[in-house]
């Protein structure tokens, strides 16, 4: 008999799949209508980056994600993010640190 475990939610994606060593944090914003596609792309590129949702706000049309990118995979991650084009918007800093509007 094969046991199956539930698939983790995008917010719970562990960074444990990342290679050990130094890593960079970056933040991106995605439309909620595109978020499932973005999560699937990131899952397909396991080990290139880890991600988690930050500052979820009900009723907002976007999701902010924190990315953890191992230094050893930085070039590959940058290529991946660039290939996503207009589906993502790179943020300059952690959106959870912004003051409420």
Protein backbone atom coordinates (compact mmCIF):
# COMPACT_ATOMS: atom_id res chain seq x y z
CA UNK A 1 0.00 0.00 0.00
CA UNK A 2 1.39 3.39 -0.98
CA UNK A 3 0.96 6.29 1.40
CA UNK A 4 0.44 9.76 0.01
CA UNK A 5 0.97 12.92 1.95
CA UNK A 6 -0.79 16.21 1.27
CA UNK A 7 1.01 18.66 -0.97
CA UNK A 8 2.26 21.72 0.98
CA UNK A 9 0.64 25.06 0.26
CA UNK A 10 2.78 27.67 -1.55
CA UNK A 11 3.18 29.57 1.73
CA UNK A 12 4.68 26.46 3.33
CA UNK A 13 7.21 25.63 0.63
CA UNK A 14 10.35 24.74 2.58
CA UNK A 15 13.67 26.36 1.91
CA UNK A 16 15.25 23.03 2.87
CA UNK A 17 15.40 22.07 -0.82
CA UNK A 18 17.87 24.88 -1.39
CA UNK A 19 21.54 24.12 -1.59
CA UNK A 20 23.48 24.86 1.61
CA UNK A 21 25.52 28.05 1.75
CA UNK A 22 24.95 31.75 1.32
CA UNK A 23 21.66 32.96 -0.16
CA UNK A 24 20.10 36.22 -1.25
CA UNK A 25 16.60 37.42 -0.47
CA UNK A 26 14.50 39.15 -3.09
CA UNK A 27 10.85 40.11 -3.26
CA UNK A 28 8.43 39.98 -6.15
CA UNK A 29 4.79 40.89 -6.68
CA UNK A 30 2.43 38.77 -8.80
CA UNK A 31 -1.20 39.12 -9.73
CA UNK A 32 -3.30 36.67 -7.74
CA UNK A 33 -4.78 35.47 -11.03
CA UNK A 34 -1.25 34.44 -12.11
CA UNK A 35 0.04 33.20 -8.74
CA UNK A 36 -0.79 29.48 -9.20
CA UNK A 37 1.15 29.48 -12.48
CA UNK A 38 4.13 31.22 -10.85
CA UNK A 39 4.10 28.72 -7.95
CA UNK A 40 4.08 25.82 -10.44
CA UNK A 41 7.05 27.30 -12.34
CA UNK A 42 9.01 27.72 -9.11
CA UNK A 43 8.16 24.16 -8.02
CA UNK A 44 9.35 22.84 -11.39
CA UNK A 45 12.70 24.57 -10.80
CA UNK A 46 13.26 23.00 -7.37
CA UNK A 47 16.54 24.03 -5.79
CA UNK A 48 16.89 27.20 -7.88
CA UNK A 49 14.96 29.25 -5.36
CA UNK A 50 12.66 28.95 -2.38
CA UNK A 51 9.67 31.19 -1.86
CA UNK A 52 7.03 32.15 0.66
CA UNK A 53 4.08 34.52 0.61
CA UNK A 54 4.51 37.65 2.74
CA UNK A 55 2.03 40.23 3.96
CA UNK A 56 -1.12 38.54 2.62
CA UNK A 57 -4.00 41.01 2.55
CA UNK A 58 -7.54 39.83 1.72
CA UNK A 59 -9.15 41.72 -1.15
CA UNK A 60 -5.86 42.81 -2.72
CA UNK A 61 -5.33 41.81 -6.36
CA UNK A 62 -1.70 40.77 -5.90
CA UNK A 63 0.54 38.56 -3.76
CA UNK A 64 4.03 39.44 -2.57
CA UNK A 65 6.59 36.65 -2.43
CA UNK A 66 9.94 36.49 -0.66
CA UNK A 67 12.49 34.54 -2.67
CA UNK A 68 15.53 32.82 -1.18
CA UNK A 69 18.17 32.30 -3.87
CA UNK A 70 21.37 30.36 -3.17
CA UNK A 71 24.42 32.25 -4.40
CA UNK A 72 25.41 29.15 -6.36
CA UNK A 73 22.13 29.31 -8.35
CA UNK A 74 21.90 33.10 -8.74
CA UNK A 75 22.51 33.20 -12.50
CA UNK A 76 19.93 30.48 -13.12
CA UNK A 77 17.39 32.21 -10.84
CA UNK A 78 17.92 35.56 -12.57
CA UNK A 79 17.34 33.91 -15.94
CA UNK A 80 14.16 32.28 -14.61
CA UNK A 81 12.82 35.58 -13.21
CA UNK A 82 13.66 37.42 -16.44
CA UNK A 83 11.84 34.75 -18.47
CA UNK A 84 8.66 35.42 -16.47
CA UNK A 85 8.61 38.94 -17.92
CA UNK A 86 5.49 40.94 -17.13
CA UNK A 87 4.03 38.19 -14.93
CA UNK A 88 6.15 39.42 -12.02
CA UNK A 89 7.24 42.76 -10.66
CA UNK A 90 10.50 42.85 -8.70
CA UNK A 91 10.31 44.88 -5.48
CA UNK A 92 13.22 46.85 -4.04
CA UNK A 93 12.64 45.76 -0.44
CA UNK A 94 10.60 43.55 1.86
CA UNK A 95 6.96 44.67 1.42
CA UNK A 96 6.06 43.53 4.94
CA UNK A 97 8.25 46.36 6.28
CA UNK A 98 6.26 49.04 4.43
CA UNK A 99 3.95 51.18 6.50
CA UNK A 100 0.22 50.58 5.96
CA UNK A 101 -1.53 52.95 3.57
